[in-house]
Amino acid sequence: MMTEAERASYDVETADAAAIAGRRGKGVFHIDTLGCQMNVHDSERIAGVLEADGYVPATEEQVASRDLDLIVLNTCAVRENATEKMYGTVGRYNRVKLHRPNLQIAVGGCMAQIDRRKIADKAPWVSAVFGTKNLDSLPRLLDQNRATGKPQVEVTDALEHMPSDLPAARASRVSSWVAISVGCNNTCTFCIVPTTRGKERDRRPGDILDEIRRCVAGGAKEITLLGQNVNSFGYGIGDRYAFSKLLRACGEIEGLERVRFTSPHPAAFTDDVIAAMAETPNVMHQLHFPLQSGSDRILKAMRRSYRSARFLDILGRIRAAMPDAQISTDVIVGFPGETEEDFQATLDVMREARFSSAFMFIYSPRPGTPAAAMEQLPHDVVQERFERLVALQERITEENLATFEGRDVEVMVTGQQGKKDSDTHRVTGREKTGVLVHIGVPEGEPTPRIGDFVTATVTHAGRHNLIADPDPRKGQTYHVRH
């Protein structure tokens, strides 16, 4: 681990946090975030709302020692074990509260949106429960809890204003999340997102671009556009080219080096979006492209509006335009009714698609979704299929990473890996297509800072990342751009 002096010079965010250590304001808070990137974005908004109300973010030391006045748990509801995980975490917080009676505990996010009053009934030590659509209510609920001593619950179904309208305390100054929409209009039978997030609602393009410019002015070099289905952006107003226009507009923002986005829906991934990715220099050739299943019968049961042949055709057009693209995916194993033949179809598509990586899940029934009422498969059958899928993808991932050996990659530094030892110390970050790279700093060279760009020769491919320990004496590349 770095010393405090090293960290202060290395990471400006930590330096800022250290500067306010000792000040408690209305209270020192820590946010524990579970789930997807949209939850990470929401947590930045929650932090912004709290700071605007006089709360102070905790330093790493305060989190470690539990020297806290407020803990906020931002929950996820995508998996079946979400409820168990939430109550287990809240129970651990209660043990902290036994030693700090004035500690307030708040629960927000998707599980709060679903369970509402049940959380306060089962965990009466919780001070406030708030949903995905009323992040700005938290300070008021905490005040009311202090005044009454009773749990406060406020979960609204209607989205009155976009979370992006709220102040944000960014977790990183060099990489920023920017939401372009919230909610989803798809009706996938396995998914609970429409229940927790509601129907899709898009932001105005001008507002999005203004936020991106503010991020860049504050030091951001990379932004990720967020949405449950980013490439349906603009469909509600009849503009099917709105997302590709937005990508191209990002290319005109001075100082913005990298643009990424997540997640698109395959059915809406049109040729204009492919062209915008390929032709806009700062849009990275990284794509998360959720398959879910390779069986057409299961895709129909999931209400996914494409079939395997169409999916592979779109994938082929993407790779023809961007041969270097690194494409990841999502796959669900054991969806109700899945046969061995269906599963073999998924393996066949995975072999042909050769994704750079995959998020693979055992089907998890979510209350209120149509698939939850279908006949479920035996766990041992699903587990065995899951293990076969993972083994296949692990092999493909390793083979893909091995193709990087000997190539030069440009990495934006986001952190430092491990300790400095007698041989090398490393910085870490992602190259242009999103692959994680650990770079050894040659002897005598200064350590690159967060936000610097390092071009280095890949010397070794791991199972899930790359190692670049270049030796300039051997003609291997090492160059830092600030």
Protein backbone atom coordinates (compact mmCIF):
# COMPACT_ATOMS: atom_id res chain seq x y z
CA MET A 1 0.00 0.00 0.00
CA MET A 2 1.08 3.61 -0.62
CA THR A 3 1.95 5.83 2.30
CA GLU A 4 -0.35 8.80 2.93
CA ALA A 5 2.30 11.15 1.58
CA GLU A 6 2.67 9.14 -1.63
CA ARG A 7 -1.08 8.87 -2.06
CA ALA A 8 -1.60 12.60 -1.54
CA SER A 9 0.80 13.41 -4.34
CA TYR A 10 -0.57 10.64 -6.53
CA ASP A 11 -4.33 11.03 -6.24
CA VAL A 12 -5.89 14.47 -6.00
CA GLU A 13 -9.22 13.05 -4.83
CA THR A 14 -7.59 11.51 -1.77
CA ALA A 15 -5.67 14.72 -1.13
CA ASP A 16 -8.96 16.61 -1.11
CA ALA A 17 -10.44 14.06 1.28
CA ALA A 18 -7.48 14.36 3.62
CA ALA A 19 -7.85 18.14 3.64
CA ILE A 20 -11.31 17.86 5.17
CA ALA A 21 -10.52 15.07 7.63
CA GLY A 22 -11.53 16.13 11.10
CA ARG A 23 -14.41 18.29 9.88
CA ARG A 24 -17.71 16.50 10.42
CA GLY A 25 -20.28 19.05 9.22
CA LYS A 26 -23.72 17.44 9.64
CA GLY A 27 -21.92 14.10 9.73
CA VAL A 28 -19.25 11.99 8.06
CA PHE A 29 -20.79 9.65 5.46
CA HIS A 30 -19.81 6.60 3.45
CA ILE A 31 -21.76 5.09 0.54
CA ASP A 32 -21.63 1.35 -0.09
CA THR A 33 -22.67 0.69 -3.71
CA LEU A 34 -23.90 -2.64 -5.04
CA GLY A 35 -24.79 -3.47 -8.63
CA CYS A 36 -24.44 -1.84 -12.02
CA GLN A 37 -22.84 1.32 -13.39
CA MET A 38 -26.16 3.14 -13.08
CA ASN A 39 -25.98 2.55 -9.33
CA VAL A 40 -22.44 3.93 -9.31
CA HIS A 41 -23.75 7.02 -11.10
CA ASP A 42 -26.62 7.31 -8.58
CA SER A 43 -24.15 7.06 -5.69
CA GLU A 44 -22.23 10.03 -7.08
CA ARG A 45 -25.51 11.97 -7.08
CA ILE A 46 -26.35 10.84 -3.54
CA ALA A 47 -22.91 12.01 -2.42
CA GLY A 48 -23.45 15.34 -4.17
CA VAL A 49 -26.83 15.84 -2.46
CA LEU A 50 -25.35 15.00 0.95
CA GLU A 51 -22.35 17.30 0.51
CA ALA A 52 -24.66 20.12 -0.58
CA ASP A 53 -26.56 19.62 2.67
CA GLY A 54 -23.42 19.88 4.80
CA TYR A 55 -22.29 16.27 5.16
CA VAL A 56 -18.61 15.37 4.77
CA PRO A 57 -17.29 12.34 2.82
CA ALA A 58 -15.28 9.89 4.88
CA THR A 59 -11.57 9.36 4.36
CA GLU A 60 -10.27 5.81 3.82
CA GLU A 61 -9.08 5.76 7.42
CA GLN A 62 -12.52 6.76 8.73
CA VAL A 63 -14.17 4.01 6.67
CA ALA A 64 -11.69 1.43 7.95
CA SER A 65 -12.18 2.44 11.58
CA ARG A 66 -15.96 2.93 11.14
CA ASP A 67 -15.60 6.50 12.40
CA LEU A 68 -18.85 7.36 10.59
CA ASP A 69 -22.08 9.21 11.27
CA LEU A 70 -23.95 7.93 8.23
CA ILE A 71 -23.74 4.81 6.07
CA VAL A 72 -25.77 4.68 2.85
CA LEU A 73 -26.34 1.31 1.18
CA ASN A 74 -27.23 1.72 -2.50
CA THR A 75 -28.77 -1.65 -3.39
CA CYS A 76 -29.19 -3.82 -6.47
CA ALA A 77 -32.13 -6.13 -7.25
CA VAL A 78 -30.98 -7.96 -10.38
CA ARG A 79 -30.05 -11.25 -8.69
CA GLU A 80 -32.16 -13.53 -6.51
CA ASN A 81 -29.74 -13.23 -3.59
CA ALA A 82 -30.06 -9.42 -3.58
CA THR A 83 -32.47 -9.46 -0.64
CA GLU A 84 -30.26 -11.75 1.42
CA LYS A 85 -27.19 -9.67 0.63
CA MET A 86 -28.95 -6.44 1.54
CA TYR A 87 -30.22 -7.65 4.93
CA GLY A 88 -26.86 -9.26 5.70
CA THR A 89 -25.07 -6.00 5.01
CA VAL A 90 -27.60 -3.95 6.99
CA GLY A 91 -27.19 -6.40 9.86
CA ARG A 92 -23.42 -5.80 9.90
CA TYR A 93 -24.09 -2.06 9.96
CA ASN A 94 -26.30 -2.59 13.02
CA ARG A 95 -23.35 -4.12 14.86
CA VAL A 96 -21.41 -0.92 14.15
CA LYS A 97 -24.37 1.07 15.45
CA LEU A 98 -24.15 -0.78 18.77
CA HIS A 99 -20.82 0.99 19.33
CA ARG A 100 -21.94 4.27 17.68
CA PRO A 101 -25.56 4.81 18.79
CA ASN A 102 -25.89 8.02 16.77
CA LEU A 103 -24.92 6.31 13.51
CA GLN A 104 -27.62 6.64 10.87
CA ILE A 105 -28.15 3.95 8.26
CA ALA A 106 -29.95 4.63 4.98
CA VAL A 107 -30.99 2.14 2.31
CA GLY A 108 -31.64 3.24 -1.26
CA GLY A 109 -31.54 1.81 -4.76
CA CYS A 110 -33.48 -0.92 -6.50
CA MET A 111 -34.21 -3.15 -3.48
CA ALA A 112 -35.55 -0.12 -1.64
CA GLN A 113 -37.74 0.65 -4.65
CA ILE A 114 -39.21 -2.87 -4.42
CA ASP A 115 -39.37 -3.64 -0.69
CA ARG A 116 -40.18 -0.16 0.63
CA ARG A 117 -41.83 -0.50 4.05
CA LYS A 118 -40.64 -4.10 4.51
CA ILE A 119 -37.04 -2.96 5.02
CA ALA A 120 -37.97 -0.68 7.92
CA ASP A 121 -40.14 -3.42 9.44
CA LYS A 122 -37.45 -6.12 9.26
CA ALA A 123 -34.54 -3.78 10.11
CA PRO A 124 -35.97 -1.11 12.46
CA TRP A 125 -32.47 0.28 13.10
CA VAL A 126 -32.49 1.67 9.54
CA SER A 127 -32.98 5.43 9.65
CA ALA A 128 -34.20 6.07 6.10
CA VAL A 129 -35.39 4.15 3.04
CA PHE A 130 -35.49 5.94 -0.32
CA GLY A 131 -36.00 4.82 -3.91
CA THR A 132 -34.26 5.24 -7.25
CA LYS A 133 -36.53 8.14 -8.20
CA ASN A 134 -36.13 10.33 -5.12
CA LEU A 135 -32.42 10.50 -4.33
CA ASP A 136 -32.77 14.13 -3.29
CA SER A 137 -35.11 13.17 -0.41
CA LEU A 138 -32.37 11.60 1.69
CA PRO A 139 -31.18 14.66 3.70
CA ARG A 140 -34.76 15.51 4.68
CA LEU A 141 -35.49 11.90 5.69
CA LEU A 142 -32.36 11.84 7.87
CA ASP A 143 -33.41 15.09 9.57
CA GLN A 144 -36.86 13.64 10.25
CA ASN A 145 -35.32 10.46 11.66
CA ARG A 146 -33.17 12.48 14.06
CA ALA A 147 -36.23 14.45 15.16
CA THR A 148 -38.59 11.47 15.61
CA GLY A 149 -36.30 8.51 16.25
CA LYS A 150 -38.41 6.52 13.79
CA PRO A 151 -37.46 5.04 10.40
CA GLN A 152 -38.45 7.29 7.52
CA VAL A 153 -39.63 5.77 4.24
CA GLU A 154 -40.16 7.61 0.96
CA VAL A 155 -40.25 5.73 -2.32
CA THR A 156 -41.95 7.37 -5.28
CA ASP A 157 -43.06 5.65 -8.49
CA ALA A 158 -43.06 8.73 -10.70
CA LEU A 159 -39.77 10.27 -11.84
CA GLU A 160 -40.18 13.98 -11.21
CA HIS A 161 -36.69 14.98 -12.32
CA MET A 162 -33.66 13.22 -13.73
CA PRO A 163 -30.95 12.10 -11.28
CA SER A 164 -28.49 13.96 -13.50
CA ASP A 165 -30.16 17.23 -12.48
CA LEU A 166 -28.80 16.72 -8.96
CA PRO A 167 -25.32 17.77 -7.79
CA ALA A 168 -22.62 15.10 -8.12
CA ALA A 169 -19.52 14.25 -6.12
CA ARG A 170 -17.49 12.38 -8.72
CA ALA A 171 -15.56 9.34 -7.54
CA SER A 172 -12.88 10.12 -10.13
CA ARG A 173 -11.87 13.34 -11.80
CA VAL A 174 -10.38 11.67 -14.87
CA SER A 175 -13.21 9.21 -15.64
CA SER A 176 -16.84 10.31 -15.41
CA TRP A 177 -20.19 8.59 -15.76
CA VAL A 178 -22.80 10.57 -17.70
CA ALA A 179 -26.35 9.23 -17.87
CA ILE A 180 -28.18 9.88 -21.13
CA SER A 181 -31.41 8.16 -20.07
CA VAL A 182 -33.05 6.26 -17.23
CA GLY A 183 -35.48 3.35 -17.35
CA CYS A 184 -36.23 0.82 -20.06
CA ASN A 185 -39.08 0.21 -22.51
CA ASN A 186 -38.19 -3.43 -23.21
CA THR A 187 -40.21 -6.25 -21.66
CA CYS A 188 -37.65 -9.03 -21.19
CA THR A 189 -39.35 -11.72 -19.13
CA PHE A 190 -36.38 -12.18 -16.77
CA CYS A 191 -35.68 -8.52 -16.01
CA ILE A 192 -36.81 -6.42 -13.07
CA VAL A 193 -35.28 -3.13 -14.29
CA PRO A 194 -38.56 -1.71 -15.71
CA THR A 195 -40.07 -2.22 -12.23
CA THR A 196 -37.24 -0.53 -10.37
CA ARG A 197 -36.32 2.16 -12.91
CA GLY A 198 -39.56 2.66 -14.84
CA LYS A 199 -40.10 3.50 -18.50
CA GLU A 200 -37.26 4.99 -20.51
CA ARG A 201 -36.85 8.72 -20.24
CA ASP A 202 -34.18 10.53 -22.26
CA ARG A 203 -32.25 13.65 -21.41
CA ARG A 204 -31.93 16.52 -23.86
CA PRO A 205 -28.78 16.14 -26.00
CA GLY A 206 -27.71 19.69 -25.18
CA ASP A 207 -27.90 18.98 -21.44
CA ILE A 208 -25.81 15.83 -21.87
CA LEU A 209 -23.13 17.64 -23.87
CA ASP A 210 -23.08 20.50 -21.35
CA GLU A 211 -22.47 18.01 -18.54
CA ILE A 212 -19.68 16.35 -20.50
CA ARG A 213 -18.02 19.73 -21.09
CA ARG A 214 -18.23 20.48 -17.34
CA CYS A 215 -16.63 17.11 -16.59
CA VAL A 216 -13.80 17.84 -19.03
CA ALA A 217 -13.34 21.33 -17.58
CA GLY A 218 -13.00 19.65 -14.16
CA GLY A 219 -10.26 17.34 -15.38
CA ALA A 220 -12.10 14.39 -16.93
CA LYS A 221 -10.34 12.78 -19.88
CA GLU A 222 -12.76 9.90 -20.31
CA ILE A 223 -16.54 9.69 -20.07
CA THR A 224 -18.92 6.72 -20.21
CA LEU A 225 -22.44 7.32 -21.49
CA LEU A 226 -24.96 5.37 -19.40
CA GLY A 227 -28.41 4.02 -20.10
CA GLN A 228 -30.35 0.78 -19.73
CA ASN A 229 -30.55 0.83 -23.54
CA VAL A 230 -28.35 3.63 -24.85
CA ASN A 231 -28.96 3.07 -28.54
CA SER A 232 -32.71 3.62 -28.25
CA PHE A 233 -31.89 7.15 -27.12
CA GLY A 234 -34.14 9.57 -29.03
CA TYR A 235 -36.66 6.96 -30.19
CA GLY A 236 -39.32 8.53 -27.96
CA ILE A 237 -39.24 11.73 -30.02
CA GLY A 238 -38.94 9.92 -33.32
CA ASP A 239 -35.22 10.49 -33.90
CA ARG A 240 -33.67 7.08 -34.54
CA TYR A 241 -30.30 8.66 -35.29
CA ALA A 242 -30.05 10.56 -31.99
CA PHE A 243 -27.49 8.24 -30.41
CA SER A 244 -25.12 8.24 -33.37
CA LYS A 245 -25.44 12.04 -33.51
CA LEU A 246 -24.56 12.20 -29.81
CA LEU A 247 -21.44 10.06 -30.33
CA ARG A 248 -20.28 12.29 -33.16
CA ALA A 249 -20.97 15.41 -31.07
CA CYS A 250 -18.75 13.97 -28.33
CA GLY A 251 -15.99 13.87 -30.90
CA GLU A 252 -16.14 17.66 -31.17
CA ILE A 253 -15.49 18.29 -27.45
CA GLU A 254 -11.95 19.60 -27.00
CA GLY A 255 -9.97 17.80 -24.32
CA LEU A 256 -12.21 14.72 -24.27
CA GLU A 257 -9.84 11.85 -25.07
CA ARG A 258 -12.03 8.79 -24.65
CA VAL A 259 -15.75 8.05 -24.96
CA ARG A 260 -17.34 4.74 -24.00
CA PHE A 261 -20.97 3.69 -23.53
CA THR A 262 -23.04 0.96 -21.91
CA SER A 263 -25.26 -0.85 -22.55
CA PRO A 264 -26.79 -1.13 -26.00
CA HIS A 265 -29.54 -3.54 -27.07
CA PRO A 266 -28.55 -5.68 -30.09
CA ALA A 267 -31.89 -5.16 -31.86
CA ALA A 268 -31.35 -1.38 -31.98
CA PHE A 269 -27.68 -1.46 -32.93
CA THR A 270 -27.93 0.13 -36.35
CA ASP A 271 -25.39 0.87 -39.08
CA ASP A 272 -25.31 4.60 -38.23
CA VAL A 273 -24.13 3.77 -34.70
CA ILE A 274 -21.45 1.43 -36.08
CA ALA A 275 -20.28 4.18 -38.45
CA ALA A 276 -20.23 6.78 -35.65
CA MET A 277 -18.07 4.47 -33.50
CA ALA A 278 -15.69 3.73 -36.35
CA GLU A 279 -15.37 7.31 -37.60
CA THR A 280 -15.23 9.33 -34.36
CA PRO A 281 -11.62 9.22 -33.12
CA ASN A 282 -12.31 9.56 -29.41
CA VAL A 283 -15.08 6.90 -29.34
CA MET A 284 -13.36 3.75 -28.16
CA HIS A 285 -13.75 0.45 -29.97
CA GLN A 286 -15.12 -1.23 -26.87
CA LEU A 287 -18.63 -2.64 -26.79
CA HIS A 288 -20.80 -4.58 -24.35
CA PHE A 289 -23.26 -6.52 -26.49
CA PRO A 290 -25.66 -8.69 -24.43
CA LEU A 291 -26.50 -12.03 -26.06
CA GLN A 292 -28.36 -13.68 -23.12
CA SER A 293 -28.89 -16.95 -25.07
CA GLY A 294 -27.87 -18.50 -28.36
CA SER A 295 -31.12 -20.45 -28.67
CA ASP A 296 -33.82 -18.81 -30.77
CA ARG A 297 -36.49 -20.63 -28.79
CA ILE A 298 -35.16 -19.27 -25.50
CA LEU A 299 -34.65 -15.78 -26.95
CA LYS A 300 -38.32 -15.78 -27.88
CA ALA A 301 -39.29 -16.91 -24.37
CA MET A 302 -37.11 -14.12 -22.99
CA ARG A 303 -38.85 -11.61 -25.31
CA ARG A 304 -35.54 -10.59 -26.80
CA SER A 305 -36.34 -8.92 -30.12
CA TYR A 306 -33.58 -10.61 -32.19
CA ARG A 307 -32.52 -14.13 -33.03
CA SER A 308 -29.04 -15.66 -33.11
CA ALA A 309 -28.51 -15.18 -36.86
CA ARG A 310 -29.36 -11.49 -36.66
CA PHE A 311 -27.16 -11.07 -33.59
CA LEU A 312 -24.18 -12.63 -35.38
CA ASP A 313 -24.86 -10.57 -38.51
CA ILE A 314 -24.73 -7.30 -36.52
CA LEU A 315 -21.61 -8.53 -34.74
CA GLY A 316 -20.00 -9.23 -38.10
CA ARG A 317 -20.77 -5.70 -39.34
CA ILE A 318 -19.24 -4.22 -36.18
CA ARG A 319 -16.04 -6.21 -36.63
CA ALA A 320 -15.84 -5.38 -40.33
CA ALA A 321 -15.89 -1.66 -39.44
CA MET A 322 -13.66 -2.03 -36.34
CA PRO A 323 -11.45 -5.14 -36.54
CA ASP A 324 -9.77 -4.22 -33.24
CA ALA A 325 -13.05 -3.97 -31.29
CA GLN A 326 -13.14 -5.77 -27.95
CA ILE A 327 -16.71 -7.01 -27.45
CA SER A 328 -18.08 -8.42 -24.20
CA THR A 329 -21.50 -9.93 -23.51
CA ASP A 330 -24.03 -11.20 -20.98
CA VAL A 331 -25.28 -14.80 -20.96
CA ILE A 332 -27.97 -16.39 -18.79
CA VAL A 333 -27.71 -20.15 -18.18
CA GLY A 334 -30.71 -22.20 -17.11
CA PHE A 335 -33.56 -19.95 -18.21
CA PRO A 336 -36.86 -21.81 -17.58
CA GLY A 337 -37.42 -24.43 -20.26
CA GLU A 338 -33.81 -24.46 -21.48
CA THR A 339 -32.93 -27.90 -22.89
CA GLU A 340 -29.50 -29.36 -23.55
CA GLU A 341 -30.09 -28.56 -27.22
CA ASP A 342 -30.81 -24.92 -26.33
CA PHE A 343 -27.66 -24.77 -24.27
CA GLN A 344 -25.59 -26.27 -27.09
CA ALA A 345 -26.91 -23.48 -29.33
CA THR A 346 -25.55 -20.97 -26.83
CA LEU A 347 -22.15 -22.68 -26.84
CA ASP A 348 -22.16 -22.62 -30.65
CA VAL A 349 -22.82 -18.86 -30.75
CA MET A 350 -20.15 -18.24 -28.11
CA ARG A 351 -17.60 -20.18 -30.17
CA GLU A 352 -18.47 -18.21 -33.30
CA ALA A 353 -18.72 -14.80 -31.59
CA ARG A 354 -15.46 -15.19 -29.63
CA PHE A 355 -16.25 -12.46 -27.13
CA SER A 356 -13.33 -10.85 -25.36
CA SER A 357 -15.09 -11.51 -22.04
CA ALA A 358 -18.52 -12.42 -20.73
CA PHE A 359 -20.64 -11.85 -17.67
CA MET A 360 -22.20 -15.27 -17.19
CA PHE A 361 -25.07 -15.85 -14.79
CA ILE A 362 -27.23 -18.70 -13.57
CA TYR A 363 -30.85 -17.68 -14.16
CA SER A 364 -32.23 -15.91 -11.12
CA PRO A 365 -36.03 -15.57 -10.77
CA ARG A 366 -37.13 -12.08 -9.76
CA PRO A 367 -40.52 -11.51 -8.11
CA GLY A 368 -43.17 -10.15 -10.45
CA THR A 369 -41.35 -11.02 -13.68
CA PRO A 370 -43.06 -13.45 -16.11
CA ALA A 371 -40.12 -15.88 -16.08
CA ALA A 372 -40.39 -16.29 -12.30
CA ALA A 373 -43.76 -18.04 -12.78
CA MET A 374 -42.32 -20.53 -15.30
CA GLU A 375 -41.15 -24.01 -14.33
CA GLN A 376 -37.57 -23.78 -13.05
CA LEU A 377 -34.76 -26.17 -13.94
CA PRO A 378 -32.92 -28.39 -11.41
CA HIS A 379 -29.99 -26.55 -9.89
CA ASP A 380 -27.46 -29.34 -10.53
CA VAL A 381 -28.30 -29.37 -14.25
CA VAL A 382 -27.91 -25.59 -14.51
CA GLN A 383 -24.68 -25.57 -12.47
CA GLU A 384 -23.09 -28.18 -14.74
CA ARG A 385 -24.02 -26.16 -17.84
CA PHE A 386 -22.73 -22.98 -16.24
CA GLU A 387 -19.35 -24.57 -15.56
CA ARG A 388 -19.06 -25.71 -19.18
CA LEU A 389 -19.86 -22.22 -20.44
CA VAL A 390 -17.34 -20.58 -18.12
CA ALA A 391 -14.62 -23.03 -19.18
CA LEU A 392 -15.27 -22.25 -22.85
CA GLN A 393 -15.22 -18.48 -22.36
CA GLU A 394 -12.12 -18.58 -20.16
CA ARG A 395 -10.26 -20.34 -22.98
CA ILE A 396 -11.47 -17.83 -25.58
CA THR A 397 -10.53 -14.91 -23.33
CA GLU A 398 -7.02 -16.26 -22.78
CA GLU A 399 -6.53 -16.83 -26.51
CA ASN A 400 -7.74 -13.30 -27.26
CA LEU A 401 -5.43 -11.70 -24.70
CA ALA A 402 -2.46 -13.68 -26.03
CA THR A 403 -2.78 -11.80 -29.35
CA PHE A 404 -1.73 -8.59 -27.53
CA GLU A 405 1.74 -9.91 -26.63
CA GLY A 406 4.44 -7.85 -28.34
CA ARG A 407 2.01 -5.09 -29.32
CA ASP A 408 2.17 -1.49 -28.12
CA VAL A 409 -0.92 -0.29 -26.22
CA GLU A 410 -1.90 3.14 -24.91
CA VAL A 411 -3.21 3.01 -21.35
CA MET A 412 -4.87 5.74 -19.32
CA VAL A 413 -3.53 5.40 -15.77
CA THR A 414 -6.22 4.98 -13.11
CA GLY A 415 -4.24 3.58 -10.19
CA GLN A 416 -1.15 1.87 -8.83
CA GLN A 417 -0.79 -1.87 -8.42
CA GLY A 418 0.83 -3.38 -5.37
CA LYS A 419 4.09 -2.29 -3.79
CA LYS A 420 7.31 -1.06 -5.25
CA ASP A 421 9.82 -3.91 -5.04
CA SER A 422 13.39 -4.50 -6.09
CA ASP A 423 12.47 -5.34 -9.69
CA THR A 424 9.53 -3.20 -10.73
CA HIS A 425 6.46 -1.35 -9.61
CA ARG A 426 3.38 -0.95 -11.71
CA VAL A 427 0.62 1.45 -12.60
CA THR A 428 -2.69 0.16 -13.86
CA GLY A 429 -5.38 1.28 -16.28
CA ARG A 430 -7.22 0.34 -19.46
CA GLU A 431 -6.08 0.48 -23.04
CA LYS A 432 -8.28 1.96 -25.73
CA THR A 433 -10.51 -1.09 -26.18
CA GLY A 434 -11.02 -1.53 -22.45
CA VAL A 435 -8.56 -4.30 -21.63
CA LEU A 436 -7.01 -3.98 -18.15
CA VAL A 437 -3.22 -3.47 -18.31
CA HIS A 438 -0.62 -3.39 -15.52
CA ILE A 439 2.48 -1.47 -16.63
CA GLY A 440 5.87 -1.78 -15.02
CA VAL A 441 7.68 1.53 -14.59
CA PRO A 442 11.27 1.15 -15.83
CA GLU A 443 14.00 1.79 -13.28
CA GLY A 444 14.81 5.46 -12.94
CA GLU A 445 11.54 6.64 -14.50
CA PRO A 446 9.07 8.73 -12.44
CA THR A 447 5.76 7.10 -11.59
CA PRO A 448 3.01 8.24 -13.99
CA ARG A 449 0.10 10.06 -12.41
CA ILE A 450 -3.59 9.22 -12.58
CA GLY A 451 -4.86 10.54 -15.89
CA ASP A 452 -1.53 10.19 -17.69
CA PHE A 453 -1.38 8.11 -20.88
CA VAL A 454 1.33 5.48 -21.08
CA THR A 455 2.23 3.72 -24.32
CA ALA A 456 4.03 0.47 -23.56
CA THR A 457 4.82 -2.90 -25.11
CA VAL A 458 2.78 -5.83 -23.78
CA THR A 459 5.19 -8.45 -22.45
CA HIS A 460 2.78 -11.01 -21.01
CA ALA A 461 -0.91 -11.92 -21.29
CA GLY A 462 -2.63 -13.10 -18.13
CA ARG A 463 -5.99 -14.82 -17.85
CA HIS A 464 -7.93 -11.58 -17.50
CA ASN A 465 -5.43 -8.77 -18.02
CA LEU A 466 -2.21 -7.78 -19.71
CA ILE A 467 1.23 -7.13 -18.24
CA ALA A 468 3.53 -4.58 -19.85
CA ASP A 469 6.99 -4.60 -18.23
CA PRO A 470 8.91 -3.01 -21.11
CA ASP A 471 12.68 -2.83 -21.26
CA PRO A 472 13.65 0.12 -23.49
CA ARG A 473 17.13 -1.42 -23.82
CA LYS A 474 15.50 -4.26 -25.78
CA GLY A 475 13.64 -1.87 -28.03
CA GLN A 476 10.38 -2.21 -26.12
CA THR A 477 8.23 0.92 -25.94
CA TYR A 478 7.63 3.02 -22.82
CA HIS A 479 6.37 6.57 -23.22
CA VAL A 480 4.31 8.82 -20.94
CA ARG A 481 1.96 11.55 -22.17
CA HIS A 482 0.53 13.95 -19.57
